[in-house]
Amino acid sequence: MIKLIRQGVYYLDGKLVKESQAFLREEQKQQAIRSTLSYGILSSHNHGDEQNLKIKFDAIASHDITYVGIIQTAKASGLEKFPLPYTLTNCHNSLCAVGGTINEDDHVFGLSAAKKYGGDYVPAHLAVIHQYMRECGAKCGAMILGSDSHTRYGALGTMAIGEGGPELVKQILSQTYDVKRPEVIAVYLKGKLRKGVGPQDVALALVGATFKKQFVKNKILEFIGPGIKNLSMDYRNGIDVMTTETTCLSSIWETD
C-alpha cells in the first residue's frame, strides 16, 4: 500500500515525523534539508549557487540510437577530446541481420569516435546500457547523465538522470547541466512484500499513486526506511529504473 503525505515530514531517529509534530527551529529544519543524501550529492557536483544548480557529472552514457547525433553535434562545436568518461553501448539498434547488425554503420562510427576522443565502447550483444553502467560506472555519491530516459542507478548510491542528447553535448563541451534545486520526496519503505510481488508491481503502484497528481514531478525520490533491507539489489534496481515513469528528476537510495 502506498500512502501519500503532502505535509512536510522529517526522518528522525529512523522514523518519519510530521512537520507539525517535529517542533524544530528553522535552523534545524534547514539542517535536516542539508542532511539528505540528495543534498550532499548535488552540492558536491554543483558549480552554481544554492538554488540555481550548475551540475558537472562524473560520467555520461549513450546507446546506439543516440550517440551518433550527440558526437556529431559536439564535433561540429569544436570537440577535441571527451573531458569525462563517456560510455557508448550498442544495445538498442543491434538486431541480427544478414551481413551483420541492423545498424552496423552506427557501430563503426561509435568505435572510431571512442578511439579518437577517448570513450568506452561496448560492442553489440555484450551488454545493455543500464546493466553495463551499474556494473562498471556506478559509485556511491557519483552522478551520471545518460541519453536514455531510464538512466537510474540510485539503488547503488549513484544519482543518475536521463536527458535528451543536447544535455550530453553540453557536458562533452565542458558546460553544465542547469536546473533549479529540486525538492526531495522521501519514499519510506517498511515491512516485507508478499510472495509473488515483483519489482515491476511495486514500480507500477508507485507510478499509479504519483503520476496523475504530479506529486513528484521534477523532484528527487529518496528511498529510505527499514524495508530496504528486505529487498535484494536486483529487486531495488528493478524498482529504481522505473522511477522515470513517475516524472521525477532522479532517485537515490540508502545503501547498506
C-alpha atoms as a PDB file:
ATOM      1  CA  MET A   1       0.000   0.000   0.000  1.00  0.00           C
ATOM      2  CA  ILE A   2       1.247   3.466  -0.881  1.00  0.00           C
ATOM      3  CA  LYS A   3       0.255   6.448   1.237  1.00  0.00           C
ATOM      4  CA  LEU A   4       0.993   9.984   0.062  1.00  0.00           C
ATOM      5  CA  ILE A   5       1.804  12.530   2.786  1.00  0.00           C
ATOM      6  CA  ARG A   6       1.500  16.075   1.485  1.00  0.00           C
ATOM      7  CA  GLN A   7       2.649  17.884   4.609  1.00  0.00           C
ATOM      8  CA  GLY A   8       6.365  18.228   5.295  1.00  0.00           C
ATOM      9  CA  VAL A   9       7.936  15.326   7.158  1.00  0.00           C
ATOM     10  CA  TYR A  10      11.313  14.684   8.743  1.00  0.00           C
ATOM     11  CA  TYR A  11      13.248  11.456   9.058  1.00  0.00           C
ATOM     12  CA  LEU A  12      14.353  11.452  12.691  1.00  0.00           C
ATOM     13  CA  ASP A  13      15.946   8.520  14.513  1.00  0.00           C
ATOM     14  CA  GLY A  14      14.804   6.105  11.819  1.00  0.00           C
ATOM     15  CA  LYS A  15      11.179   7.290  11.900  1.00  0.00           C
ATOM     16  CA  LEU A  16       9.029   9.662   9.859  1.00  0.00           C
ATOM     17  CA  VAL A  17       7.795  12.635  11.890  1.00  0.00           C
ATOM     18  CA  LYS A  18       5.275  15.132  10.516  1.00  0.00           C
ATOM     19  CA  GLU A  19       6.386  18.743  10.498  1.00  0.00           C
ATOM     20  CA  SER A  20       3.560  19.719  12.859  1.00  0.00           C
ATOM     21  CA  GLN A  21       4.914  17.236  15.402  1.00  0.00           C
ATOM     22  CA  ALA A  22       8.632  17.819  14.956  1.00  0.00           C
ATOM     23  CA  PHE A  23       8.908  21.096  16.947  1.00  0.00           C
ATOM     24  CA  LEU A  24      12.051  22.074  15.084  1.00  0.00           C
ATOM     25  CA  ARG A  25      13.529  25.536  14.884  1.00  0.00           C
ATOM     26  CA  GLU A  26      14.090  26.995  11.415  1.00  0.00           C
ATOM     27  CA  GLU A  27      17.821  26.334  11.557  1.00  0.00           C
ATOM     28  CA  GLN A  28      17.120  22.718  12.483  1.00  0.00           C
ATOM     29  CA  LYS A  29      14.786  22.391   9.502  1.00  0.00           C
ATOM     30  CA  GLN A  30      17.463  23.741   7.191  1.00  0.00           C
ATOM     31  CA  GLN A  31      19.967  21.348   8.682  1.00  0.00           C
ATOM     32  CA  ALA A  32      17.548  18.488   8.037  1.00  0.00           C
ATOM     33  CA  ILE A  33      17.338  19.502   4.376  1.00  0.00           C
ATOM     34  CA  ARG A  34      21.130  19.634   4.126  1.00  0.00           C
ATOM     35  CA  SER A  35      21.371  16.187   5.683  1.00  0.00           C
ATOM     36  CA  THR A  36      19.571  14.374   2.862  1.00  0.00           C
ATOM     37  CA  LEU A  37      21.523  12.115   0.530  1.00  0.00           C
ATOM     38  CA  SER A  38      20.291  14.189  -2.398  1.00  0.00           C
ATOM     39  CA  TYR A  39      21.582  17.477  -0.997  1.00  0.00           C
ATOM     40  CA  GLY A  40      25.047  16.085  -0.382  1.00  0.00           C
ATOM     41  CA  ILE A  41      25.410  14.557  -3.841  1.00  0.00           C
ATOM     42  CA  LEU A  42      24.055  17.585  -5.695  1.00  0.00           C
ATOM     43  CA  SER A  43      26.193  20.013  -3.688  1.00  0.00           C
ATOM     44  CA  SER A  44      29.382  18.088  -4.410  1.00  0.00           C
ATOM     45  CA  HIS A  45      28.728  18.419  -8.160  1.00  0.00           C
ATOM     46  CA  ASN A  46      27.336  21.964  -8.160  1.00  0.00           C
ATOM     47  CA  HIS A  47      29.205  24.898  -9.709  1.00  0.00           C
ATOM     48  CA  GLY A  48      26.340  27.350  -9.206  1.00  0.00           C
ATOM     49  CA  ASP A  49      24.579  28.829  -6.185  1.00  0.00           C
ATOM     50  CA  GLU A  50      22.302  27.157  -3.648  1.00  0.00           C
ATOM     51  CA  GLN A  51      19.133  27.436  -5.698  1.00  0.00           C
ATOM     52  CA  ASN A  52      20.418  27.580  -9.274  1.00  0.00           C
ATOM     53  CA  LEU A  53      22.447  24.435  -9.734  1.00  0.00           C
ATOM     54  CA  LYS A  54      25.097  24.038 -12.420  1.00  0.00           C
ATOM     55  CA  ILE A  55      25.974  20.361 -12.386  1.00  0.00           C
ATOM     56  CA  LYS A  56      29.025  18.640 -13.824  1.00  0.00           C
ATOM     57  CA  PHE A  57      28.625  14.870 -13.963  1.00  0.00           C
ATOM     58  CA  ASP A  58      31.192  12.188 -13.207  1.00  0.00           C
ATOM     59  CA  ALA A  59      30.319  10.222 -16.348  1.00  0.00           C
ATOM     60  CA  ILE A  60      27.888  10.114 -19.257  1.00  0.00           C
ATOM     61  CA  ALA A  61      26.444   7.250 -21.306  1.00  0.00           C
ATOM     62  CA  SER A  62      24.605   6.722 -24.598  1.00  0.00           C
ATOM     63  CA  HIS A  63      23.377   3.835 -26.693  1.00  0.00           C
ATOM     64  CA  ASP A  64      23.382   3.404 -30.464  1.00  0.00           C
ATOM     65  CA  ILE A  65      20.127   5.254 -31.057  1.00  0.00           C
ATOM     66  CA  THR A  66      21.520   8.498 -29.646  1.00  0.00           C
ATOM     67  CA  TYR A  67      25.317   8.641 -29.624  1.00  0.00           C
ATOM     68  CA  VAL A  68      25.829   9.409 -33.332  1.00  0.00           C
ATOM     69  CA  GLY A  69      23.902  12.687 -33.226  1.00  0.00           C
ATOM     70  CA  ILE A  70      25.435  13.672 -29.883  1.00  0.00           C
ATOM     71  CA  ILE A  71      29.010  13.166 -31.034  1.00  0.00           C
ATOM     72  CA  GLN A  72      28.441  14.791 -34.426  1.00  0.00           C
ATOM     73  CA  THR A  73      26.913  17.850 -32.764  1.00  0.00           C
ATOM     74  CA  ALA A  74      29.806  18.093 -30.296  1.00  0.00           C
ATOM     75  CA  LYS A  75      32.313  17.644 -33.138  1.00  0.00           C
ATOM     76  CA  ALA A  76      30.693  20.493 -35.088  1.00  0.00           C
ATOM     77  CA  SER A  77      31.048  22.628 -31.955  1.00  0.00           C
ATOM     78  CA  GLY A  78      34.778  22.083 -31.592  1.00  0.00           C
ATOM     79  CA  LEU A  79      35.149  18.743 -29.784  1.00  0.00           C
ATOM     80  CA  GLU A  80      38.749  17.564 -29.452  1.00  0.00           C
ATOM     81  CA  LYS A  81      38.567  15.065 -26.589  1.00  0.00           C
ATOM     82  CA  PHE A  82      35.913  13.767 -24.205  1.00  0.00           C
ATOM     83  CA  PRO A  83      36.578  15.631 -20.913  1.00  0.00           C
ATOM     84  CA  LEU A  84      34.817  12.959 -18.816  1.00  0.00           C
ATOM     85  CA  PRO A  85      34.225   9.201 -19.132  1.00  0.00           C
ATOM     86  CA  TYR A  86      31.741   8.553 -21.956  1.00  0.00           C
ATOM     87  CA  THR A  87      30.343   5.049 -22.456  1.00  0.00           C
ATOM     88  CA  LEU A  88      28.917   4.098 -25.856  1.00  0.00           C
ATOM     89  CA  THR A  89      26.834   0.921 -25.826  1.00  0.00           C
ATOM     90  CA  ASN A  90      25.325  -0.927 -28.765  1.00  0.00           C
ATOM     91  CA  CYS A  91      22.182  -2.442 -27.330  1.00  0.00           C
ATOM     92  CA  HIS A  92      19.194  -0.669 -28.887  1.00  0.00           C
ATOM     93  CA  ASN A  93      19.904  -0.923 -32.629  1.00  0.00           C
ATOM     94  CA  SER A  94      21.652  -4.282 -32.730  1.00  0.00           C
ATOM     95  CA  LEU A  95      19.135  -6.768 -34.165  1.00  0.00           C
ATOM     96  CA  CYS A  96      20.772  -9.588 -36.117  1.00  0.00           C
ATOM     97  CA  ALA A  97      20.568  -9.274 -39.890  1.00  0.00           C
ATOM     98  CA  VAL A  98      22.305 -10.769 -42.910  1.00  0.00           C
ATOM     99  CA  GLY A  99      25.817  -9.399 -43.093  1.00  0.00           C
ATOM    100  CA  GLY A 100      25.959  -8.031 -39.553  1.00  0.00           C
ATOM    101  CA  THR A 101      23.785  -5.862 -37.334  1.00  0.00           C
ATOM    102  CA  ILE A 102      20.912  -3.723 -38.481  1.00  0.00           C
ATOM    103  CA  ASN A 103      22.883  -0.539 -37.784  1.00  0.00           C
ATOM    104  CA  GLU A 104      26.434  -1.682 -38.285  1.00  0.00           C
ATOM    105  CA  ASP A 105      27.440   1.678 -39.744  1.00  0.00           C
ATOM    106  CA  ASP A 106      26.474   3.429 -36.495  1.00  0.00           C
ATOM    107  CA  HIS A 107      28.510   0.916 -34.518  1.00  0.00           C
ATOM    108  CA  VAL A 108      31.581   1.513 -36.675  1.00  0.00           C
ATOM    109  CA  PHE A 109      31.122   5.248 -36.149  1.00  0.00           C
ATOM    110  CA  GLY A 110      30.883   4.726 -32.382  1.00  0.00           C
ATOM    111  CA  LEU A 111      34.055   2.644 -32.282  1.00  0.00           C
ATOM    112  CA  SER A 112      36.011   5.189 -34.323  1.00  0.00           C
ATOM    113  CA  ALA A 113      34.738   8.024 -32.103  1.00  0.00           C
ATOM    114  CA  ALA A 114      35.733   6.162 -28.935  1.00  0.00           C
ATOM    115  CA  LYS A 115      39.224   5.586 -30.328  1.00  0.00           C
ATOM    116  CA  LYS A 116      39.568   9.213 -31.426  1.00  0.00           C
ATOM    117  CA  TYR A 117      38.075  11.020 -28.434  1.00  0.00           C
ATOM    118  CA  GLY A 118      38.725   8.587 -25.577  1.00  0.00           C
ATOM    119  CA  GLY A 119      35.343   6.944 -24.967  1.00  0.00           C
ATOM    120  CA  ASP A 120      34.470   3.488 -23.639  1.00  0.00           C
ATOM    121  CA  TYR A 121      32.984   1.349 -26.430  1.00  0.00           C
ATOM    122  CA  VAL A 122      30.775  -1.653 -25.601  1.00  0.00           C
ATOM    123  CA  PRO A 123      30.290  -3.949 -28.642  1.00  0.00           C
ATOM    124  CA  ALA A 124      26.887  -5.182 -29.755  1.00  0.00           C
ATOM    125  CA  HIS A 125      25.394  -8.185 -27.916  1.00  0.00           C
ATOM    126  CA  LEU A 126      27.732  -7.729 -24.936  1.00  0.00           C
ATOM    127  CA  ALA A 127      25.646  -5.619 -22.545  1.00  0.00           C
ATOM    128  CA  VAL A 128      22.602  -3.376 -22.200  1.00  0.00           C
ATOM    129  CA  ILE A 129      23.439   0.229 -21.310  1.00  0.00           C
ATOM    130  CA  HIS A 130      21.992   0.225 -17.784  1.00  0.00           C
ATOM    131  CA  GLN A 131      23.392  -3.189 -16.905  1.00  0.00           C
ATOM    132  CA  TYR A 132      26.835  -2.048 -18.030  1.00  0.00           C
ATOM    133  CA  MET A 133      26.713   1.275 -16.190  1.00  0.00           C
ATOM    134  CA  ARG A 134      25.545  -0.378 -12.967  1.00  0.00           C
ATOM    135  CA  GLU A 135      28.405  -2.850 -13.114  1.00  0.00           C
ATOM    136  CA  CYS A 136      31.147  -0.556 -14.412  1.00  0.00           C
ATOM    137  CA  GLY A 137      30.125   3.061 -13.832  1.00  0.00           C
ATOM    138  CA  ALA A 138      28.067   3.438 -10.657  1.00  0.00           C
ATOM    139  CA  LYS A 139      29.742   4.635  -7.446  1.00  0.00           C
ATOM    140  CA  CYS A 140      28.297   5.847  -4.157  1.00  0.00           C
ATOM    141  CA  GLY A 141      27.972   9.625  -4.265  1.00  0.00           C
ATOM    142  CA  ALA A 142      28.513   9.876  -8.032  1.00  0.00           C
ATOM    143  CA  MET A 143      26.334  11.445 -10.723  1.00  0.00           C
ATOM    144  CA  ILE A 144      25.783  10.003 -14.212  1.00  0.00           C
ATOM    145  CA  LEU A 145      23.939  11.589 -17.150  1.00  0.00           C
ATOM    146  CA  GLY A 146      22.521   9.317 -19.840  1.00  0.00           C
ATOM    147  CA  SER A 147      20.727   9.906 -23.144  1.00  0.00           C
ATOM    148  CA  ASP A 148      18.158   7.272 -22.215  1.00  0.00           C
ATOM    149  CA  SER A 149      15.094   8.157 -20.179  1.00  0.00           C
ATOM    150  CA  HIS A 150      15.529   5.254 -17.754  1.00  0.00           C
ATOM    151  CA  THR A 151      19.022   6.259 -16.645  1.00  0.00           C
ATOM    152  CA  ARG A 152      18.672   5.378 -12.959  1.00  0.00           C
ATOM    153  CA  TYR A 153      21.354   3.899 -10.695  1.00  0.00           C
ATOM    154  CA  GLY A 154      20.021   5.157  -7.365  1.00  0.00           C
ATOM    155  CA  ALA A 155      19.956   1.763  -5.648  1.00  0.00           C
ATOM    156  CA  LEU A 156      23.744   1.739  -5.981  1.00  0.00           C
ATOM    157  CA  GLY A 157      24.130   5.188  -4.429  1.00  0.00           C
ATOM    158  CA  THR A 158      24.548   6.990  -7.765  1.00  0.00           C
ATOM    159  CA  MET A 159      22.258   9.854  -8.710  1.00  0.00           C
ATOM    160  CA  ALA A 160      21.563   9.364 -12.421  1.00  0.00           C
ATOM    161  CA  ILE A 161      19.491  11.484 -14.782  1.00  0.00           C
ATOM    162  CA  GLY A 162      18.124  10.643 -18.228  1.00  0.00           C
ATOM    163  CA  GLU A 163      18.066  13.564 -20.642  1.00  0.00           C
ATOM    164  CA  GLY A 164      17.992  14.475 -24.315  1.00  0.00           C
ATOM    165  CA  GLY A 165      21.177  14.499 -26.369  1.00  0.00           C
ATOM    166  CA  PRO A 166      21.840  18.263 -26.167  1.00  0.00           C
ATOM    167  CA  GLU A 167      22.489  17.999 -22.413  1.00  0.00           C
ATOM    168  CA  LEU A 168      25.179  15.387 -23.064  1.00  0.00           C
ATOM    169  CA  VAL A 169      26.675  17.617 -25.743  1.00  0.00           C
ATOM    170  CA  LYS A 170      26.971  20.364 -23.136  1.00  0.00           C
ATOM    171  CA  GLN A 171      28.850  18.029 -20.776  1.00  0.00           C
ATOM    172  CA  ILE A 172      31.178  16.976 -23.604  1.00  0.00           C
ATOM    173  CA  LEU A 173      31.878  20.657 -24.262  1.00  0.00           C
ATOM    174  CA  SER A 174      32.640  21.194 -20.529  1.00  0.00           C
ATOM    175  CA  GLN A 175      29.418  23.120 -19.885  1.00  0.00           C
ATOM    176  CA  THR A 176      26.966  22.459 -17.063  1.00  0.00           C
ATOM    177  CA  TYR A 177      23.524  20.927 -16.504  1.00  0.00           C
ATOM    178  CA  ASP A 178      21.470  23.851 -15.208  1.00  0.00           C
ATOM    179  CA  VAL A 179      18.441  23.241 -13.002  1.00  0.00           C
ATOM    180  CA  LYS A 180      16.646  24.764 -10.042  1.00  0.00           C
ATOM    181  CA  ARG A 181      17.413  22.865  -6.849  1.00  0.00           C
ATOM    182  CA  PRO A 182      14.804  20.082  -6.821  1.00  0.00           C
ATOM    183  CA  GLU A 183      12.641  19.222  -3.850  1.00  0.00           C
ATOM    184  CA  VAL A 184      13.305  15.873  -2.204  1.00  0.00           C
ATOM    185  CA  ILE A 185      10.477  13.394  -1.631  1.00  0.00           C
ATOM    186  CA  ALA A 186      11.096  10.594   0.871  1.00  0.00           C
ATOM    187  CA  VAL A 187       9.894   7.137  -0.135  1.00  0.00           C
ATOM    188  CA  TYR A 188       9.724   5.360   3.219  1.00  0.00           C
ATOM    189  CA  LEU A 189       9.746   1.584   2.865  1.00  0.00           C
ATOM    190  CA  LYS A 190       8.694  -0.685   5.700  1.00  0.00           C
ATOM    191  CA  GLY A 191       7.715  -4.322   6.171  1.00  0.00           C
ATOM    192  CA  LYS A 192       8.032  -7.130   3.648  1.00  0.00           C
ATOM    193  CA  LEU A 193       6.339  -7.843   0.335  1.00  0.00           C
ATOM    194  CA  ARG A 194       4.089 -10.842  -0.221  1.00  0.00           C
ATOM    195  CA  LYS A 195       5.452 -13.751  -2.203  1.00  0.00           C
ATOM    196  CA  GLY A 196       4.930 -13.279  -5.930  1.00  0.00           C
ATOM    197  CA  VAL A 197       5.047  -9.465  -5.847  1.00  0.00           C
ATOM    198  CA  GLY A 198       7.778  -8.343  -8.240  1.00  0.00           C
ATOM    199  CA  PRO A 199       9.671  -5.058  -8.607  1.00  0.00           C
ATOM    200  CA  GLN A 200       7.521  -4.040 -11.572  1.00  0.00           C
ATOM    201  CA  ASP A 201       4.427  -4.437  -9.383  1.00  0.00           C
ATOM    202  CA  VAL A 202       5.938  -2.071  -6.834  1.00  0.00           C
ATOM    203  CA  ALA A 203       7.083   0.370  -9.508  1.00  0.00           C
ATOM    204  CA  LEU A 204       3.665   0.455 -11.195  1.00  0.00           C
ATOM    205  CA  ALA A 205       1.974   1.030  -7.841  1.00  0.00           C
ATOM    206  CA  LEU A 206       4.324   3.963  -7.219  1.00  0.00           C
ATOM    207  CA  VAL A 207       3.644   5.384 -10.680  1.00  0.00           C
ATOM    208  CA  GLY A 208      -0.098   4.932 -10.216  1.00  0.00           C
ATOM    209  CA  ALA A 209      -0.046   6.792  -6.913  1.00  0.00           C
ATOM    210  CA  THR A 210       2.018   9.764  -8.130  1.00  0.00           C
ATOM    211  CA  PHE A 211       1.821  10.315 -11.899  1.00  0.00           C
ATOM    212  CA  LYS A 212      -1.646  11.840 -12.379  1.00  0.00           C
ATOM    213  CA  LYS A 213      -1.272  14.004  -9.282  1.00  0.00           C
ATOM    214  CA  GLN A 214       2.191  15.212 -10.443  1.00  0.00           C
ATOM    215  CA  PHE A 215       3.200  14.542  -6.859  1.00  0.00           C
ATOM    216  CA  VAL A 216       6.894  14.060  -7.626  1.00  0.00           C
ATOM    217  CA  LYS A 217       7.288  15.941 -10.923  1.00  0.00           C
ATOM    218  CA  ASN A 218      10.905  17.132 -11.379  1.00  0.00           C
ATOM    219  CA  LYS A 219      11.690  16.158  -7.794  1.00  0.00           C
ATOM    220  CA  ILE A 220      14.091  13.586  -6.378  1.00  0.00           C
ATOM    221  CA  LEU A 221      12.815  10.389  -4.791  1.00  0.00           C
ATOM    222  CA  GLU A 222      14.930   9.368  -1.805  1.00  0.00           C
ATOM    223  CA  PHE A 223      14.239   5.770  -0.782  1.00  0.00           C
ATOM    224  CA  ILE A 224      14.712   5.264   2.956  1.00  0.00           C
ATOM    225  CA  GLY A 225      13.427   3.108   5.780  1.00  0.00           C
ATOM    226  CA  PRO A 226      13.742  -0.373   7.300  1.00  0.00           C
ATOM    227  CA  GLY A 227      12.016  -2.092   4.372  1.00  0.00           C
ATOM    228  CA  ILE A 228      15.046  -1.620   2.120  1.00  0.00           C
ATOM    229  CA  LYS A 229      16.975  -4.404   3.820  1.00  0.00           C
ATOM    230  CA  ASN A 230      14.263  -6.887   2.776  1.00  0.00           C
ATOM    231  CA  LEU A 231      14.861  -6.227  -0.934  1.00  0.00           C
ATOM    232  CA  SER A 232      17.674  -7.769  -2.971  1.00  0.00           C
ATOM    233  CA  MET A 233      19.851  -5.485  -5.092  1.00  0.00           C
ATOM    234  CA  ASP A 234      18.239  -6.777  -8.287  1.00  0.00           C
ATOM    235  CA  TYR A 235      14.827  -6.009  -6.784  1.00  0.00           C
ATOM    236  CA  ARG A 236      15.883  -2.481  -5.837  1.00  0.00           C
ATOM    237  CA  ASN A 237      17.302  -1.898  -9.311  1.00  0.00           C
ATOM    238  CA  GLY A 238      14.025  -3.126 -10.815  1.00  0.00           C
ATOM    239  CA  ILE A 239      12.048  -0.516  -8.892  1.00  0.00           C
ATOM    240  CA  ASP A 240      14.619   2.230  -9.352  1.00  0.00           C
ATOM    241  CA  VAL A 241      14.848   2.021 -13.151  1.00  0.00           C
ATOM    242  CA  MET A 242      11.102   2.673 -13.376  1.00  0.00           C
ATOM    243  CA  THR A 243      11.031   5.843 -11.259  1.00  0.00           C
ATOM    244  CA  THR A 244      11.311   7.748 -14.552  1.00  0.00           C
ATOM    245  CA  GLU A 245       7.647   6.945 -15.137  1.00  0.00           C
ATOM    246  CA  THR A 246       6.629   8.944 -12.057  1.00  0.00           C
ATOM    247  CA  THR A 247       8.034  12.114 -13.760  1.00  0.00           C
ATOM    248  CA  CYS A 248      10.661  12.576 -11.049  1.00  0.00           C
ATOM    249  CA  LEU A 249      14.069  14.044 -11.957  1.00  0.00           C
ATOM    250  CA  SER A 250      16.072  11.269 -10.325  1.00  0.00           C
ATOM    251  CA  SER A 251      16.143   8.804  -7.444  1.00  0.00           C
ATOM    252  CA  ILE A 252      18.597   7.739  -4.756  1.00  0.00           C
ATOM    253  CA  TRP A 253      18.518   5.005  -2.128  1.00  0.00           C
ATOM    254  CA  GLU A 254      20.020   4.442   1.278  1.00  0.00           C
ATOM    255  CA  THR A 255      22.788   1.905   0.728  1.00  0.00           C
ATOM    256  CA  ASP A 256      23.800  -0.939   3.023  1.00  0.00           C
END
